[in-house]
Amino acid sequence: MNTDRQTILSLVAMGRITPREAERLLAVWPDGDDAILRLALCLAFAALALPGLKEMFTEITHTLVALMPTLLGTAHHTLACVTHWLGGIV
């Protein structure tokens, strides 16, 4: 049991706070053990993912560069169709 919880329980034992107040304090008190565990898990997942992230972004960049002429041609064709349908307004 951590020292913060022990302190709250000792305040109840001394009669300085009621058990109901202690229950409220314990309910809203940040649990440091859970936070440390969550942080450790996040760091572990990040460490596993980081070596692959650089490669993934490199591959995405290469794919987008390869698709760029096709995407631009499609966008140009779509814009031409829309302007034709709207009578050249746009």
PDB file of N, CA and C in Angstrom:
ATOM      1  N   MET A   1       0.856  -1.181   0.000  1.00  0.00           N
ATOM      2  CA  MET A   1       0.000   0.000   0.000  1.00  0.00           C
ATOM      3  C   MET A   1       0.893   1.232   0.000  1.00  0.00           C
ATOM      4  N   ASN A   2       0.555   2.220  -0.823  1.00  0.00           N
ATOM      5  CA  ASN A   2       1.419   3.390  -0.909  1.00  0.00           C
ATOM      6  C   ASN A   2       1.190   4.322   0.277  1.00  0.00           C
ATOM      7  N   THR A   3       2.087   5.244   0.447  1.00  0.00           N
ATOM      8  CA  THR A   3       2.053   6.114   1.632  1.00  0.00           C
ATOM      9  C   THR A   3       0.847   7.054   1.638  1.00  0.00           C
ATOM     10  N   ASP A   4       0.358   7.457   0.451  1.00  0.00           N
ATOM     11  CA  ASP A   4      -0.802   8.347   0.410  1.00  0.00           C
ATOM     12  C   ASP A   4      -2.042   7.653   0.970  1.00  0.00           C
ATOM     13  N   ARG A   5      -2.231   6.406   0.597  1.00  0.00           N
ATOM     14  CA  ARG A   5      -3.377   5.645   1.119  1.00  0.00           C
ATOM     15  C   ARG A   5      -3.221   5.397   2.620  1.00  0.00           C
ATOM     16  N   GLN A   6      -2.002   5.101   3.049  1.00  0.00           N
ATOM     17  CA  GLN A   6      -1.755   4.890   4.474  1.00  0.00           C
ATOM     18  C   GLN A   6      -2.056   6.165   5.259  1.00  0.00           C
ATOM     19  N   THR A   7      -1.698   7.311   4.693  1.00  0.00           N
ATOM     20  CA  THR A   7      -1.960   8.587   5.358  1.00  0.00           C
ATOM     21  C   THR A   7      -3.452   8.823   5.495  1.00  0.00           C
ATOM     22  N   ILE A   8      -4.205   8.561   4.448  1.00  0.00           N
ATOM     23  CA  ILE A   8      -5.663   8.753   4.494  1.00  0.00           C
ATOM     24  C   ILE A   8      -6.278   7.822   5.536  1.00  0.00           C
ATOM     25  N   LEU A   9      -5.835   6.566   5.548  1.00  0.00           N
ATOM     26  CA  LEU A   9      -6.384   5.626   6.527  1.00  0.00           C
ATOM     27  C   LEU A   9      -5.982   5.988   7.955  1.00  0.00           C
ATOM     28  N   SER A  10      -4.791   6.536   8.140  1.00  0.00           N
ATOM     29  CA  SER A  10      -4.391   6.950   9.492  1.00  0.00           C
ATOM     30  C   SER A  10      -5.194   8.167   9.945  1.00  0.00           C
ATOM     31  N   LEU A  11      -5.584   9.044   8.999  1.00  0.00           N
ATOM     32  CA  LEU A  11      -6.448  10.174   9.357  1.00  0.00           C
ATOM     33  C   LEU A  11      -7.812   9.683   9.825  1.00  0.00           C
ATOM     34  N   VAL A  12      -8.309   8.620   9.218  1.00  0.00           N
ATOM     35  CA  VAL A  12      -9.568   8.022   9.675  1.00  0.00           C
ATOM     36  C   VAL A  12      -9.379   7.443  11.068  1.00  0.00           C
ATOM     37  N   ALA A  13      -8.269   6.747  11.265  1.00  0.00           N
ATOM     38  CA  ALA A  13      -8.008   6.122  12.566  1.00  0.00           C
ATOM     39  C   ALA A  13      -7.886   7.161  13.678  1.00  0.00           C
ATOM     40  N   MET A  14      -7.332   8.338  13.347  1.00  0.00           N
ATOM     41  CA  MET A  14      -7.187   9.397  14.347  1.00  0.00           C
ATOM     42  C   MET A  14      -8.493  10.175  14.539  1.00  0.00           C
ATOM     43  N   GLY A  15      -9.454   9.960  13.651  1.00  0.00           N
ATOM     44  CA  GLY A  15     -10.727  10.649  13.776  1.00  0.00           C
ATOM     45  C   GLY A  15     -10.735  12.029  13.141  1.00  0.00           C
ATOM     46  N   ARG A  16      -9.733  12.362  12.378  1.00  0.00           N
ATOM     47  CA  ARG A  16      -9.671  13.686  11.732  1.00  0.00           C
ATOM     48  C   ARG A  16     -10.595  13.781  10.523  1.00  0.00           C
ATOM     49  N   ILE A  17     -10.801  12.659   9.840  1.00  0.00           N
ATOM     50  CA  ILE A  17     -11.761  12.623   8.736  1.00  0.00           C
ATOM     51  C   ILE A  17     -12.660  11.402   8.933  1.00  0.00           C
ATOM     52  N   THR A  18     -13.837  11.484   8.346  1.00  0.00           N
ATOM     53  CA  THR A  18     -14.781  10.374   8.467  1.00  0.00           C
ATOM     54  C   THR A  18     -14.445   9.300   7.437  1.00  0.00           C
ATOM     55  N   PRO A  19     -14.931   8.083   7.665  1.00  0.00           N
ATOM     56  CA  PRO A  19     -14.716   7.043   6.657  1.00  0.00           C
ATOM     57  C   PRO A  19     -15.308   7.413   5.296  1.00  0.00           C
ATOM     58  N   ARG A  20     -16.406   8.130   5.296  1.00  0.00           N
ATOM     59  CA  ARG A  20     -17.008   8.556   4.032  1.00  0.00           C
ATOM     60  C   ARG A  20     -16.086   9.523   3.289  1.00  0.00           C
ATOM     61  N   GLU A  21     -15.480  10.470   4.025  1.00  0.00           N
ATOM     62  CA  GLU A  21     -14.533  11.400   3.399  1.00  0.00           C
ATOM     63  C   GLU A  21     -13.305  10.651   2.880  1.00  0.00           C
ATOM     64  N   ALA A  22     -12.854   9.664   3.635  1.00  0.00           N
ATOM     65  CA  ALA A  22     -11.708   8.865   3.196  1.00  0.00           C
ATOM     66  C   ALA A  22     -12.053   8.097   1.925  1.00  0.00           C
ATOM     67  N   GLU A  23     -13.270   7.564   1.867  1.00  0.00           N
ATOM     68  CA  GLU A  23     -13.699   6.840   0.681  1.00  0.00           C
ATOM     69  C   GLU A  23     -13.714   7.760  -0.535  1.00  0.00           C
ATOM     70  N   ARG A  24     -14.195   8.975  -0.343  1.00  0.00           N
ATOM     71  CA  ARG A  24     -14.198   9.947  -1.448  1.00  0.00           C
ATOM     72  C   ARG A  24     -12.777  10.284  -1.884  1.00  0.00           C
ATOM     73  N   LEU A  25     -11.901  10.497  -0.919  1.00  0.00           N
ATOM     74  CA  LEU A  25     -10.513  10.811  -1.252  1.00  0.00           C
ATOM     75  C   LEU A  25      -9.848   9.666  -2.020  1.00  0.00           C
ATOM     76  N   LEU A  26     -10.070   8.443  -1.549  1.00  0.00           N
ATOM     77  CA  LEU A  26      -9.472   7.304  -2.223  1.00  0.00           C
ATOM     78  C   LEU A  26     -10.051   7.098  -3.613  1.00  0.00           C
ATOM     79  N   ALA A  27     -11.310   7.461  -3.797  1.00  0.00           N
ATOM     80  CA  ALA A  27     -11.939   7.288  -5.114  1.00  0.00           C
ATOM     81  C   ALA A  27     -11.364   8.245  -6.144  1.00  0.00           C
ATOM     82  N   VAL A  28     -11.031   9.470  -5.736  1.00  0.00           N
ATOM     83  CA  VAL A  28     -10.532  10.463  -6.690  1.00  0.00           C
ATOM     84  C   VAL A  28      -9.012  10.587  -6.684  1.00  0.00           C
ATOM     85  N   TRP A  29      -8.352   9.904  -5.753  1.00  0.00           N
ATOM     86  CA  TRP A  29      -6.903  10.008  -5.649  1.00  0.00           C
ATOM     87  C   TRP A  29      -6.268   9.305  -6.839  1.00  0.00           C
ATOM     88  N   PRO A  30      -5.338   9.977  -7.531  1.00  0.00           N
ATOM     89  CA  PRO A  30      -4.695   9.314  -8.669  1.00  0.00           C
ATOM     90  C   PRO A  30      -3.854   8.141  -8.186  1.00  0.00           C
ATOM     91  N   ASP A  31      -4.055   7.016  -8.826  1.00  0.00           N
ATOM     92  CA  ASP A  31      -3.313   5.821  -8.450  1.00  0.00           C
ATOM     93  C   ASP A  31      -2.018   5.777  -9.243  1.00  0.00           C
ATOM     94  N   GLY A  32      -0.920   6.053  -8.598  1.00  0.00           N
ATOM     95  CA  GLY A  32       0.368   6.149  -9.257  1.00  0.00           C
ATOM     96  C   GLY A  32       0.821   4.844  -9.894  1.00  0.00           C
ATOM     97  N   ASP A  33       0.459   3.709  -9.287  1.00  0.00           N
ATOM     98  CA  ASP A  33       0.877   2.423  -9.839  1.00  0.00           C
ATOM     99  C   ASP A  33       0.277   2.196 -11.219  1.00  0.00           C
ATOM    100  N   ASP A  34      -0.995   2.538 -11.396  1.00  0.00           N
ATOM    101  CA  ASP A  34      -1.636   2.377 -12.699  1.00  0.00           C
ATOM    102  C   ASP A  34      -1.021   3.307 -13.731  1.00  0.00           C
ATOM    103  N   ALA A  35      -0.708   4.524 -13.321  1.00  0.00           N
ATOM    104  CA  ALA A  35      -0.119   5.484 -14.248  1.00  0.00           C
ATOM    105  C   ALA A  35       1.246   4.999 -14.724  1.00  0.00           C
ATOM    106  N   ILE A  36       2.025   4.451 -13.823  1.00  0.00           N
ATOM    107  CA  ILE A  36       3.350   3.947 -14.192  1.00  0.00           C
ATOM    108  C   ILE A  36       3.213   2.752 -15.135  1.00  0.00           C
ATOM    109  N   LEU A  37       2.246   1.884 -14.849  1.00  0.00           N
ATOM    110  CA  LEU A  37       2.022   0.734 -15.717  1.00  0.00           C
ATOM    111  C   LEU A  37       1.584   1.170 -17.109  1.00  0.00           C
ATOM    112  N   ARG A  38       0.661   2.137 -17.182  1.00  0.00           N
ATOM    113  CA  ARG A  38       0.212   2.651 -18.481  1.00  0.00           C
ATOM    114  C   ARG A  38       1.368   3.275 -19.257  1.00  0.00           C
ATOM    115  N   LEU A  39       2.195   4.060 -18.568  1.00  0.00           N
ATOM    116  CA  LEU A  39       3.338   4.684 -19.212  1.00  0.00           C
ATOM    117  C   LEU A  39       4.314   3.627 -19.733  1.00  0.00           C
ATOM    118  N   ALA A  40       4.565   2.602 -18.934  1.00  0.00           N
ATOM    119  CA  ALA A  40       5.477   1.538 -19.355  1.00  0.00           C
ATOM    120  C   ALA A  40       4.937   0.805 -20.581  1.00  0.00           C
ATOM    121  N   LEU A  41       3.629   0.539 -20.611  1.00  0.00           N
ATOM    122  CA  LEU A  41       3.042  -0.128 -21.771  1.00  0.00           C
ATOM    123  C   LEU A  41       3.118   0.742 -23.023  1.00  0.00           C
ATOM    124  N   CYS A  42       2.845   2.032 -22.870  1.00  0.00           N
ATOM    125  CA  CYS A  42       2.941   2.949 -24.016  1.00  0.00           C
ATOM    126  C   CYS A  42       4.369   2.999 -24.556  1.00  0.00           C
ATOM    127  N   LEU A  43       5.332   3.075 -23.668  1.00  0.00           N
ATOM    128  CA  LEU A  43       6.725   3.105 -24.101  1.00  0.00           C
ATOM    129  C   LEU A  43       7.133   1.793 -24.767  1.00  0.00           C
ATOM    130  N   ALA A  44       6.627   0.675 -24.256  1.00  0.00           N
ATOM    131  CA  ALA A  44       6.956  -0.611 -24.866  1.00  0.00           C
ATOM    132  C   ALA A  44       6.376  -0.709 -26.271  1.00  0.00           C
ATOM    133  N   PHE A  45       5.117  -0.299 -26.439  1.00  0.00           N
ATOM    134  CA  PHE A  45       4.501  -0.332 -27.769  1.00  0.00           C
ATOM    135  C   PHE A  45       5.210   0.631 -28.722  1.00  0.00           C
ATOM    136  N   ALA A  46       5.587   1.807 -28.221  1.00  0.00           N
ATOM    137  CA  ALA A  46       6.300   2.767 -29.067  1.00  0.00           C
ATOM    138  C   ALA A  46       7.654   2.211 -29.488  1.00  0.00           C
ATOM    139  N   ALA A  47       8.343   1.548 -28.576  1.00  0.00           N
ATOM    140  CA  ALA A  47       9.649   0.978 -28.911  1.00  0.00           C
ATOM    141  C   ALA A  47       9.514  -0.115 -29.961  1.00  0.00           C
ATOM    142  N   LEU A  48       8.421  -0.874 -29.898  1.00  0.00           N
ATOM    143  CA  LEU A  48       8.204  -1.914 -30.902  1.00  0.00           C
ATOM    144  C   LEU A  48       7.833  -1.319 -32.253  1.00  0.00           C
ATOM    145  N   ALA A  49       7.114  -0.198 -32.222  1.00  0.00           N
ATOM    146  CA  ALA A  49       6.620   0.390 -33.468  1.00  0.00           C
ATOM    147  C   ALA A  49       7.642   1.308 -34.132  1.00  0.00           C
ATOM    148  N   LEU A  50       8.523   1.922 -33.385  1.00  0.00           N
ATOM    149  CA  LEU A  50       9.431   2.923 -33.946  1.00  0.00           C
ATOM    150  C   LEU A  50      10.325   2.414 -35.068  1.00  0.00           C
ATOM    151  N   PRO A  51      10.918   1.241 -34.960  1.00  0.00           N
ATOM    152  CA  PRO A  51      11.750   0.802 -36.087  1.00  0.00           C
ATOM    153  C   PRO A  51      10.952   0.685 -37.388  1.00  0.00           C
ATOM    154  N   GLY A  52       9.701   0.301 -37.316  1.00  0.00           N
ATOM    155  CA  GLY A  52       8.882   0.162 -38.503  1.00  0.00           C
ATOM    156  C   GLY A  52       8.273   1.456 -38.988  1.00  0.00           C
ATOM    157  N   LEU A  53       8.193   2.469 -38.125  1.00  0.00           N
ATOM    158  CA  LEU A  53       7.556   3.726 -38.521  1.00  0.00           C
ATOM    159  C   LEU A  53       8.311   4.433 -39.633  1.00  0.00           C
ATOM    160  N   LYS A  54       9.620   4.485 -39.521  1.00  0.00           N
ATOM    161  CA  LYS A  54      10.406   5.168 -40.547  1.00  0.00           C
ATOM    162  C   LYS A  54      10.236   4.481 -41.893  1.00  0.00           C
ATOM    163  N   GLU A  55      10.289   3.164 -41.876  1.00  0.00           N
ATOM    164  CA  GLU A  55      10.111   2.405 -43.115  1.00  0.00           C
ATOM    165  C   GLU A  55       8.707   2.605 -43.675  1.00  0.00           C
ATOM    166  N   MET A  56       7.706   2.623 -42.789  1.00  0.00           N
ATOM    167  CA  MET A  56       6.334   2.796 -43.230  1.00  0.00           C
ATOM    168  C   MET A  56       6.138   4.163 -43.882  1.00  0.00           C
ATOM    169  N   PHE A  57       6.639   5.209 -43.262  1.00  0.00           N
ATOM    170  CA  PHE A  57       6.494   6.551 -43.836  1.00  0.00           C
ATOM    171  C   PHE A  57       7.261   6.677 -45.156  1.00  0.00           C
ATOM    172  N   THR A  58       8.401   6.021 -45.244  1.00  0.00           N
ATOM    173  CA  THR A  58       9.162   6.032 -46.492  1.00  0.00           C
ATOM    174  C   THR A  58       8.361   5.365 -47.608  1.00  0.00           C
ATOM    175  N   GLU A  59       7.759   4.223 -47.317  1.00  0.00           N
ATOM    176  CA  GLU A  59       6.959   3.517 -48.322  1.00  0.00           C
ATOM    177  C   GLU A  59       5.719   4.313 -48.710  1.00  0.00           C
ATOM    178  N   ILE A  60       5.082   4.954 -47.751  1.00  0.00           N
ATOM    179  CA  ILE A  60       3.902   5.782 -48.055  1.00  0.00           C
ATOM    180  C   ILE A  60       4.302   6.941 -48.965  1.00  0.00           C
ATOM    181  N   THR A  61       5.436   7.563 -48.669  1.00  0.00           N
ATOM    182  CA  THR A  61       5.911   8.678 -49.496  1.00  0.00           C
ATOM    183  C   THR A  61       6.193   8.219 -50.916  1.00  0.00           C
ATOM    184  N   HIS A  62       6.868   7.085 -51.069  1.00  0.00           N
ATOM    185  CA  HIS A  62       7.154   6.561 -52.405  1.00  0.00           C
ATOM    186  C   HIS A  62       5.868   6.236 -53.166  1.00  0.00           C
ATOM    187  N   THR A  63       4.899   5.669 -52.474  1.00  0.00           N
ATOM    188  CA  THR A  63       3.629   5.329 -53.107  1.00  0.00           C
ATOM    189  C   THR A  63       2.887   6.584 -53.561  1.00  0.00           C
ATOM    190  N   LEU A  64       2.857   7.603 -52.712  1.00  0.00           N
ATOM    191  CA  LEU A  64       2.178   8.850 -53.087  1.00  0.00           C
ATOM    192  C   LEU A  64       2.863   9.534 -54.264  1.00  0.00           C
ATOM    193  N   VAL A  65       4.188   9.518 -54.281  1.00  0.00           N
ATOM    194  CA  VAL A  65       4.920  10.128 -55.395  1.00  0.00           C
ATOM    195  C   VAL A  65       4.626   9.370 -56.688  1.00  0.00           C
ATOM    196  N   ALA A  66       4.542   8.041 -56.597  1.00  0.00           N
ATOM    197  CA  ALA A  66       4.245   7.245 -57.785  1.00  0.00           C
ATOM    198  C   ALA A  66       2.814   7.468 -58.276  1.00  0.00           C
ATOM    199  N   LEU A  67       1.884   7.697 -57.348  1.00  0.00           N
ATOM    200  CA  LEU A  67       0.475   7.895 -57.710  1.00  0.00           C
ATOM    201  C   LEU A  67       0.139   9.330 -58.074  1.00  0.00           C
ATOM    202  N   MET A  68       1.028  10.259 -57.796  1.00  0.00           N
ATOM    203  CA  MET A  68       0.730  11.682 -57.991  1.00  0.00           C
ATOM    204  C   MET A  68       0.269  12.016 -59.411  1.00  0.00           C
ATOM    205  N   PRO A  69       0.936  11.564 -60.474  1.00  0.00           N
ATOM    206  CA  PRO A  69       0.454  11.904 -61.819  1.00  0.00           C
ATOM    207  C   PRO A  69      -0.970  11.387 -62.076  1.00  0.00           C
ATOM    208  N   THR A  70      -1.252  10.185 -61.599  1.00  0.00           N
ATOM    209  CA  THR A  70      -2.587   9.621 -61.787  1.00  0.00           C
ATOM    210  C   THR A  70      -3.624  10.412 -60.995  1.00  0.00           C
ATOM    211  N   LEU A  71      -3.279  10.746 -59.756  1.00  0.00           N
ATOM    212  CA  LEU A  71      -4.216  11.505 -58.929  1.00  0.00           C
ATOM    213  C   LEU A  71      -4.480  12.890 -59.518  1.00  0.00           C
ATOM    214  N   LEU A  72      -3.429  13.542 -60.005  1.00  0.00           N
ATOM    215  CA  LEU A  72      -3.613  14.862 -60.601  1.00  0.00           C
ATOM    216  C   LEU A  72      -4.435  14.786 -61.886  1.00  0.00           C
ATOM    217  N   GLY A  73      -4.196  13.750 -62.701  1.00  0.00           N
ATOM    218  CA  GLY A  73      -4.971  13.571 -63.923  1.00  0.00           C
ATOM    219  C   GLY A  73      -6.440  13.321 -63.617  1.00  0.00           C
ATOM    220  N   THR A  74      -6.702  12.503 -62.608  1.00  0.00           N
ATOM    221  CA  THR A  74      -8.087  12.225 -62.206  1.00  0.00           C
ATOM    222  C   THR A  74      -8.758  13.484 -61.683  1.00  0.00           C
ATOM    223  N   ALA A  75      -8.040  14.256 -60.879  1.00  0.00           N
ATOM    224  CA  ALA A  75      -8.608  15.498 -60.355  1.00  0.00           C
ATOM    225  C   ALA A  75      -8.903  16.469 -61.494  1.00  0.00           C
ATOM    226  N   HIS A  76      -8.020  16.559 -62.460  1.00  0.00           N
ATOM    227  CA  HIS A  76      -8.233  17.453 -63.596  1.00  0.00           C
ATOM    228  C   HIS A  76      -9.453  17.010 -64.401  1.00  0.00           C
ATOM    229  N   HIS A  77      -9.576  15.717 -64.648  1.00  0.00           N
ATOM    230  CA  HIS A  77     -10.716  15.186 -65.398  1.00  0.00           C
ATOM    231  C   HIS A  77     -12.022  15.441 -64.639  1.00  0.00           C
ATOM    232  N   THR A  78     -12.008  15.213 -63.329  1.00  0.00           N
ATOM    233  CA  THR A  78     -13.204  15.439 -62.510  1.00  0.00           C
ATOM    234  C   THR A  78     -13.606  16.899 -62.546  1.00  0.00           C
ATOM    235  N   LEU A  79     -12.655  17.800 -62.420  1.00  0.00           N
ATOM    236  CA  LEU A  79     -12.951  19.228 -62.456  1.00  0.00           C
ATOM    237  C   LEU A  79     -13.486  19.644 -63.823  1.00  0.00           C
ATOM    238  N   ALA A  80     -12.941  19.062 -64.879  1.00  0.00           N
ATOM    239  CA  ALA A  80     -13.428  19.376 -66.220  1.00  0.00           C
ATOM    240  C   ALA A  80     -14.862  18.901 -66.408  1.00  0.00           C
ATOM    241  N   CYS A  81     -15.194  17.712 -65.886  1.00  0.00           N
ATOM    242  CA  CYS A  81     -16.568  17.204 -65.981  1.00  0.00           C
ATOM    243  C   CYS A  81     -17.529  18.091 -65.211  1.00  0.00           C
ATOM    244  N   VAL A  82     -17.140  18.503 -64.016  1.00  0.00           N
ATOM    245  CA  VAL A  82     -18.009  19.339 -63.194  1.00  0.00           C
ATOM    246  C   VAL A  82     -18.239  20.682 -63.885  1.00  0.00           C
ATOM    247  N   THR A  83     -17.202  21.269 -64.414  1.00  0.00           N
ATOM    248  CA  THR A  83     -17.396  22.566 -65.082  1.00  0.00           C
ATOM    249  C   THR A  83     -18.244  22.393 -66.341  1.00  0.00           C
ATOM    250  N   HIS A  84     -18.123  21.274 -67.032  1.00  0.00           N
ATOM    251  CA  HIS A  84     -18.958  21.020 -68.211  1.00  0.00           C
ATOM    252  C   HIS A  84     -20.424  20.882 -67.813  1.00  0.00           C
ATOM    253  N   TRP A  85     -20.678  20.158 -66.711  1.00  0.00           N
ATOM    254  CA  TRP A  85     -22.054  19.959 -66.247  1.00  0.00           C
ATOM    255  C   TRP A  85     -22.674  21.248 -65.752  1.00  0.00           C
ATOM    256  N   LEU A  86     -21.878  22.124 -65.186  1.00  0.00           N
ATOM    257  CA  LEU A  86     -22.409  23.382 -64.666  1.00  0.00           C
ATOM    258  C   LEU A  86     -22.399  24.478 -65.731  1.00  0.00           C
ATOM    259  N   GLY A  87     -22.096  24.102 -66.942  1.00  0.00           N
ATOM    260  CA  GLY A  87     -22.143  25.066 -68.024  1.00  0.00           C
ATOM    261  C   GLY A  87     -20.957  26.014 -68.030  1.00  0.00           C
ATOM    262  N   GLY A  88     -19.840  25.606 -67.511  1.00  0.00           N
ATOM    263  CA  GLY A  88     -18.645  26.437 -67.520  1.00  0.00           C
ATOM    264  C   GLY A  88     -18.650  27.540 -66.480  1.00  0.00           C
ATOM    265  N   ILE A  89     -19.551  27.428 -65.484  1.00  0.00           N
ATOM    266  CA  ILE A  89     -19.641  28.466 -64.453  1.00  0.00           C
ATOM    267  C   ILE A  89     -18.421  28.418 -63.538  1.00  0.00           C
ATOM    268  N   VAL A  90     -18.008  27.200 -63.220  1.00  0.00           N
ATOM    269  CA  VAL A  90     -16.933  27.070 -62.245  1.00  0.00           C
ATOM    270  C   VAL A  90     -15.590  27.184 -62.909  1.00  0.00           C
TER     271      VAL A  90
END
